[in-house]
């Protein structure tokens, strides 16, 4: 993450640049792990048919 040029007010909401970076580096892996786990559980429960039904 580079220091913001356009959305500088966003880092102001978090108090400081370092706090924003910490929140970012904690939440991104959490969301990725949740997505992977959720997808694997969907495959386990309903096979590929359930996954196809979500997108059709």
PDB file of N, CA and C in Angstrom:
ATOM      1  N   UNK A   1       0.843  -1.182   0.000  1.00  0.00           N
ATOM      2  CA  UNK A   1       0.000   0.000   0.000  1.00  0.00           C
ATOM      3  C   UNK A   1       0.885   1.241   0.000  1.00  0.00           C
ATOM      4  N   UNK A   2       0.598   2.114  -0.914  1.00  0.00           N
ATOM      5  CA  UNK A   2       1.305   3.376  -0.966  1.00  0.00           C
ATOM      6  C   UNK A   2       0.459   4.443  -0.277  1.00  0.00           C
ATOM      7  N   UNK A   3       1.099   5.497   0.122  1.00  0.00           N
ATOM      8  CA  UNK A   3       0.346   6.576   0.757  1.00  0.00           C
ATOM      9  C   UNK A   3      -0.661   7.139  -0.241  1.00  0.00           C
ATOM     10  N   UNK A   4      -1.868   7.435   0.222  1.00  0.00           N
ATOM     11  CA  UNK A   4      -2.928   7.833  -0.700  1.00  0.00           C
ATOM     12  C   UNK A   4      -2.714   9.224  -1.284  1.00  0.00           C
ATOM     13  N   UNK A   5      -3.018   9.348  -2.556  1.00  0.00           N
ATOM     14  CA  UNK A   5      -2.971  10.650  -3.203  1.00  0.00           C
ATOM     15  C   UNK A   5      -4.382  11.200  -3.368  1.00  0.00           C
ATOM     16  N   UNK A   6      -5.340  10.311  -3.647  1.00  0.00           N
ATOM     17  CA  UNK A   6      -6.703  10.757  -3.892  1.00  0.00           C
ATOM     18  C   UNK A   6      -7.609  10.578  -2.683  1.00  0.00           C
ATOM     19  N   UNK A   7      -7.458   9.484  -1.963  1.00  0.00           N
ATOM     20  CA  UNK A   7      -8.360   9.187  -0.848  1.00  0.00           C
ATOM     21  C   UNK A   7      -7.662   9.402   0.504  1.00  0.00           C
ATOM     22  N   UNK A   8      -7.008  10.518   0.647  1.00  0.00           N
ATOM     23  CA  UNK A   8      -6.280  10.808   1.882  1.00  0.00           C
ATOM     24  C   UNK A   8      -7.199  10.874   3.090  1.00  0.00           C
ATOM     25  N   UNK A   9      -8.473  11.207   2.872  1.00  0.00           N
ATOM     26  CA  UNK A   9      -9.428  11.283   3.972  1.00  0.00           C
ATOM     27  C   UNK A   9      -9.706   9.903   4.564  1.00  0.00           C
ATOM     28  N   UNK A  10      -9.502   8.840   3.757  1.00  0.00           N
ATOM     29  CA  UNK A  10      -9.736   7.488   4.242  1.00  0.00           C
ATOM     30  C   UNK A  10      -8.738   7.106   5.327  1.00  0.00           C
ATOM     31  N   UNK A  11      -7.491   7.460   5.150  1.00  0.00           N
ATOM     32  CA  UNK A  11      -6.518   7.175   6.206  1.00  0.00           C
ATOM     33  C   UNK A  11      -6.787   8.042   7.434  1.00  0.00           C
ATOM     34  N   UNK A  12      -7.395   9.186   7.235  1.00  0.00           N
ATOM     35  CA  UNK A  12      -7.774  10.021   8.371  1.00  0.00           C
ATOM     36  C   UNK A  12      -8.856   9.391   9.230  1.00  0.00           C
ATOM     37  N   UNK A  13      -9.723   8.587   8.617  1.00  0.00           N
ATOM     38  CA  UNK A  13     -10.767   7.897   9.377  1.00  0.00           C
ATOM     39  C   UNK A  13     -10.181   6.877  10.351  1.00  0.00           C
ATOM     40  N   UNK A  14      -9.033   6.321  10.000  1.00  0.00           N
ATOM     41  CA  UNK A  14      -8.399   5.309  10.840  1.00  0.00           C
ATOM     42  C   UNK A  14      -7.418   5.910  11.835  1.00  0.00           C
ATOM     43  N   UNK A  15      -7.211   7.181  11.781  1.00  0.00           N
ATOM     44  CA  UNK A  15      -6.335   7.843  12.732  1.00  0.00           C
ATOM     45  C   UNK A  15      -4.948   8.093  12.197  1.00  0.00           C
ATOM     46  N   UNK A  16      -4.317   7.074  11.671  1.00  0.00           N
ATOM     47  CA  UNK A  16      -2.967   7.255  11.129  1.00  0.00           C
ATOM     48  C   UNK A  16      -2.751   6.283   9.969  1.00  0.00           C
ATOM     49  N   UNK A  17      -1.703   6.529   9.238  1.00  0.00           N
ATOM     50  CA  UNK A  17      -1.378   5.690   8.094  1.00  0.00           C
ATOM     51  C   UNK A  17      -1.026   4.276   8.537  1.00  0.00           C
ATOM     52  N   UNK A  18      -0.284   4.161   9.646  1.00  0.00           N
ATOM     53  CA  UNK A  18       0.123   2.837  10.138  1.00  0.00           C
ATOM     54  C   UNK A  18      -1.076   2.014  10.596  1.00  0.00           C
ATOM     55  N   UNK A  19      -2.063   2.644  11.212  1.00  0.00           N
ATOM     56  CA  UNK A  19      -3.267   1.930  11.632  1.00  0.00           C
ATOM     57  C   UNK A  19      -4.022   1.408  10.412  1.00  0.00           C
ATOM     58  N   UNK A  20      -4.132   2.210   9.387  1.00  0.00           N
ATOM     59  CA  UNK A  20      -4.796   1.785   8.152  1.00  0.00           C
ATOM     60  C   UNK A  20      -4.072   0.602   7.533  1.00  0.00           C
ATOM     61  N   UNK A  21      -2.758   0.630   7.506  1.00  0.00           N
ATOM     62  CA  UNK A  21      -1.980  -0.488   6.958  1.00  0.00           C
ATOM     63  C   UNK A  21      -2.194  -1.747   7.775  1.00  0.00           C
ATOM     64  N   UNK A  22      -2.218  -1.630   9.090  1.00  0.00           N
ATOM     65  CA  UNK A  22      -2.416  -2.787   9.952  1.00  0.00           C
ATOM     66  C   UNK A  22      -3.785  -3.408   9.724  1.00  0.00           C
ATOM     67  N   UNK A  23      -4.817  -2.577   9.657  1.00  0.00           N
ATOM     68  CA  UNK A  23      -6.168  -3.072   9.408  1.00  0.00           C
ATOM     69  C   UNK A  23      -6.232  -3.747   8.039  1.00  0.00           C
ATOM     70  N   UNK A  24      -5.608  -3.158   7.059  1.00  0.00           N
ATOM     71  CA  UNK A  24      -5.602  -3.723   5.701  1.00  0.00           C
ATOM     72  C   UNK A  24      -4.940  -5.098   5.683  1.00  0.00           C
ATOM     73  N   UNK A  25      -3.772  -5.222   6.305  1.00  0.00           N
ATOM     74  CA  UNK A  25      -3.030  -6.470   6.254  1.00  0.00           C
ATOM     75  C   UNK A  25      -3.615  -7.549   7.156  1.00  0.00           C
ATOM     76  N   UNK A  26      -4.543  -7.197   8.023  1.00  0.00           N
ATOM     77  CA  UNK A  26      -5.260  -8.198   8.815  1.00  0.00           C
ATOM     78  C   UNK A  26      -6.527  -8.634   8.098  1.00  0.00           C
ATOM     79  N   UNK A  27      -7.254  -7.689   7.527  1.00  0.00           N
ATOM     80  CA  UNK A  27      -8.553  -8.023   6.932  1.00  0.00           C
ATOM     81  C   UNK A  27      -8.453  -8.721   5.574  1.00  0.00           C
ATOM     82  N   UNK A  28      -7.487  -8.382   4.764  1.00  0.00           N
ATOM     83  CA  UNK A  28      -7.390  -9.000   3.435  1.00  0.00           C
ATOM     84  C   UNK A  28      -7.152 -10.509   3.533  1.00  0.00           C
ATOM     85  N   UNK A  29      -6.179 -10.987   4.317  1.00  0.00           N
ATOM     86  CA  UNK A  29      -6.033 -12.443   4.435  1.00  0.00           C
ATOM     87  C   UNK A  29      -7.242 -13.113   5.076  1.00  0.00           C
ATOM     88  N   UNK A  30      -7.913 -12.428   5.991  1.00  0.00           N
ATOM     89  CA  UNK A  30      -9.106 -12.983   6.619  1.00  0.00           C
ATOM     90  C   UNK A  30     -10.208 -13.196   5.588  1.00  0.00           C
ATOM     91  N   UNK A  31     -10.425 -12.229   4.734  1.00  0.00           N
ATOM     92  CA  UNK A  31     -11.451 -12.348   3.697  1.00  0.00           C
ATOM     93  C   UNK A  31     -11.083 -13.454   2.706  1.00  0.00           C
ATOM     94  N   UNK A  32      -9.819 -13.560   2.355  1.00  0.00           N
ATOM     95  CA  UNK A  32      -9.390 -14.602   1.426  1.00  0.00           C
ATOM     96  C   UNK A  32      -9.584 -15.989   2.042  1.00  0.00           C
ATOM     97  N   UNK A  33      -9.200 -16.156   3.307  1.00  0.00           N
ATOM     98  CA  UNK A  33      -9.391 -17.444   3.973  1.00  0.00           C
ATOM     99  C   UNK A  33     -10.863 -17.802   4.093  1.00  0.00           C
ATOM    100  N   UNK A  34     -11.701 -16.823   4.401  1.00  0.00           N
ATOM    101  CA  UNK A  34     -13.139 -17.067   4.490  1.00  0.00           C
ATOM    102  C   UNK A  34     -13.686 -17.520   3.141  1.00  0.00           C
ATOM    103  N   UNK A  35     -13.269 -16.875   2.072  1.00  0.00           N
ATOM    104  CA  UNK A  35     -13.743 -17.214   0.739  1.00  0.00           C
ATOM    105  C   UNK A  35     -13.329 -18.629   0.344  1.00  0.00           C
ATOM    106  N   UNK A  36     -12.090 -18.973   0.616  1.00  0.00           N
ATOM    107  CA  UNK A  36     -11.610 -20.312   0.281  1.00  0.00           C
ATOM    108  C   UNK A  36     -12.356 -21.366   1.101  1.00  0.00           C
ATOM    109  N   UNK A  37     -12.488 -21.138   2.401  1.00  0.00           N
ATOM    110  CA  UNK A  37     -13.187 -22.103   3.256  1.00  0.00           C
ATOM    111  C   UNK A  37     -14.647 -22.244   2.839  1.00  0.00           C
ATOM    112  N   UNK A  38     -15.293 -21.141   2.541  1.00  0.00           N
ATOM    113  CA  UNK A  38     -16.692 -21.160   2.137  1.00  0.00           C
ATOM    114  C   UNK A  38     -16.858 -21.928   0.819  1.00  0.00           C
ATOM    115  N   UNK A  39     -15.960 -21.712  -0.113  1.00  0.00           N
ATOM    116  CA  UNK A  39     -16.024 -22.413  -1.388  1.00  0.00           C
ATOM    117  C   UNK A  39     -15.803 -23.917  -1.214  1.00  0.00           C
ATOM    118  N   UNK A  40     -14.848 -24.292  -0.381  1.00  0.00           N
ATOM    119  CA  UNK A  40     -14.598 -25.717  -0.136  1.00  0.00           C
ATOM    120  C   UNK A  40     -15.786 -26.382   0.539  1.00  0.00           C
ATOM    121  N   UNK A  41     -16.436 -25.694   1.470  1.00  0.00           N
ATOM    122  CA  UNK A  41     -17.616 -26.256   2.115  1.00  0.00           C
ATOM    123  C   UNK A  41     -18.772 -26.398   1.120  1.00  0.00           C
ATOM    124  N   UNK A  42     -18.924 -25.447   0.219  1.00  0.00           N
ATOM    125  CA  UNK A  42     -19.972 -25.547  -0.796  1.00  0.00           C
ATOM    126  C   UNK A  42     -19.709 -26.736  -1.713  1.00  0.00           C
ATOM    127  N   UNK A  43     -18.455 -26.957  -2.069  1.00  0.00           N
ATOM    128  CA  UNK A  43     -18.119 -28.110  -2.898  1.00  0.00           C
ATOM    129  C   UNK A  43     -18.367 -29.416  -2.146  1.00  0.00           C
ATOM    130  N   UNK A  44     -18.071 -29.429  -0.861  1.00  0.00           N
ATOM    131  CA  UNK A  44     -18.257 -30.640  -0.070  1.00  0.00           C
ATOM    132  C   UNK A  44     -19.741 -30.995   0.077  1.00  0.00           C
ATOM    133  N   UNK A  45     -20.574 -30.006   0.301  1.00  0.00           N
ATOM    134  CA  UNK A  45     -21.985 -30.246   0.555  1.00  0.00           C
ATOM    135  C   UNK A  45     -22.750 -30.542  -0.732  1.00  0.00           C
ATOM    136  N   UNK A  46     -22.539 -29.741  -1.757  1.00  0.00           N
ATOM    137  CA  UNK A  46     -23.384 -29.864  -2.937  1.00  0.00           C
ATOM    138  C   UNK A  46     -22.672 -30.203  -4.215  1.00  0.00           C
ATOM    139  N   UNK A  47     -21.408 -30.520  -4.137  1.00  0.00           N
ATOM    140  CA  UNK A  47     -20.629 -30.859  -5.313  1.00  0.00           C
ATOM    141  C   UNK A  47     -20.596 -29.667  -6.274  1.00  0.00           C
ATOM    142  N   UNK A  48     -20.219 -29.932  -7.480  1.00  0.00           N
ATOM    143  CA  UNK A  48     -20.073 -28.860  -8.465  1.00  0.00           C
ATOM    144  C   UNK A  48     -21.429 -28.315  -8.897  1.00  0.00           C
ATOM    145  N   UNK A  49     -22.498 -29.116  -8.744  1.00  0.00           N
ATOM    146  CA  UNK A  49     -23.846 -28.654  -9.122  1.00  0.00           C
ATOM    147  C   UNK A  49     -24.268 -27.448  -8.291  1.00  0.00           C
ATOM    148  N   UNK A  50     -23.941 -27.460  -6.994  1.00  0.00           N
ATOM    149  CA  UNK A  50     -24.303 -26.333  -6.137  1.00  0.00           C
ATOM    150  C   UNK A  50     -23.547 -25.075  -6.570  1.00  0.00           C
ATOM    151  N   UNK A  51     -22.304 -25.218  -6.883  1.00  0.00           N
ATOM    152  CA  UNK A  51     -21.499 -24.068  -7.317  1.00  0.00           C
ATOM    153  C   UNK A  51     -22.037 -23.524  -8.639  1.00  0.00           C
ATOM    154  N   UNK A  52     -22.396 -24.390  -9.565  1.00  0.00           N
ATOM    155  CA  UNK A  52     -22.953 -23.939 -10.842  1.00  0.00           C
ATOM    156  C   UNK A  52     -24.288 -23.225 -10.635  1.00  0.00           C
ATOM    157  N   UNK A  53     -25.092 -23.710  -9.699  1.00  0.00           N
ATOM    158  CA  UNK A  53     -26.404 -23.093  -9.469  1.00  0.00           C
ATOM    159  C   UNK A  53     -26.282 -21.689  -8.885  1.00  0.00           C
ATOM    160  N   UNK A  54     -25.172 -21.389  -8.240  1.00  0.00           N
ATOM    161  CA  UNK A  54     -24.982 -20.045  -7.682  1.00  0.00           C
ATOM    162  C   UNK A  54     -24.759 -19.013  -8.787  1.00  0.00           C
ATOM    163  N   UNK A  55     -24.226 -19.438  -9.903  1.00  0.00           N
ATOM    164  CA  UNK A  55     -23.858 -18.499 -10.962  1.00  0.00           C
ATOM    165  C   UNK A  55     -24.794 -18.521 -12.160  1.00  0.00           C
ATOM    166  N   UNK A  56     -25.747 -19.417 -12.177  1.00  0.00           N
ATOM    167  CA  UNK A  56     -26.671 -19.492 -13.310  1.00  0.00           C
ATOM    168  C   UNK A  56     -28.041 -19.016 -12.941  1.00  0.00           C
TER     169      UNK A  56
END
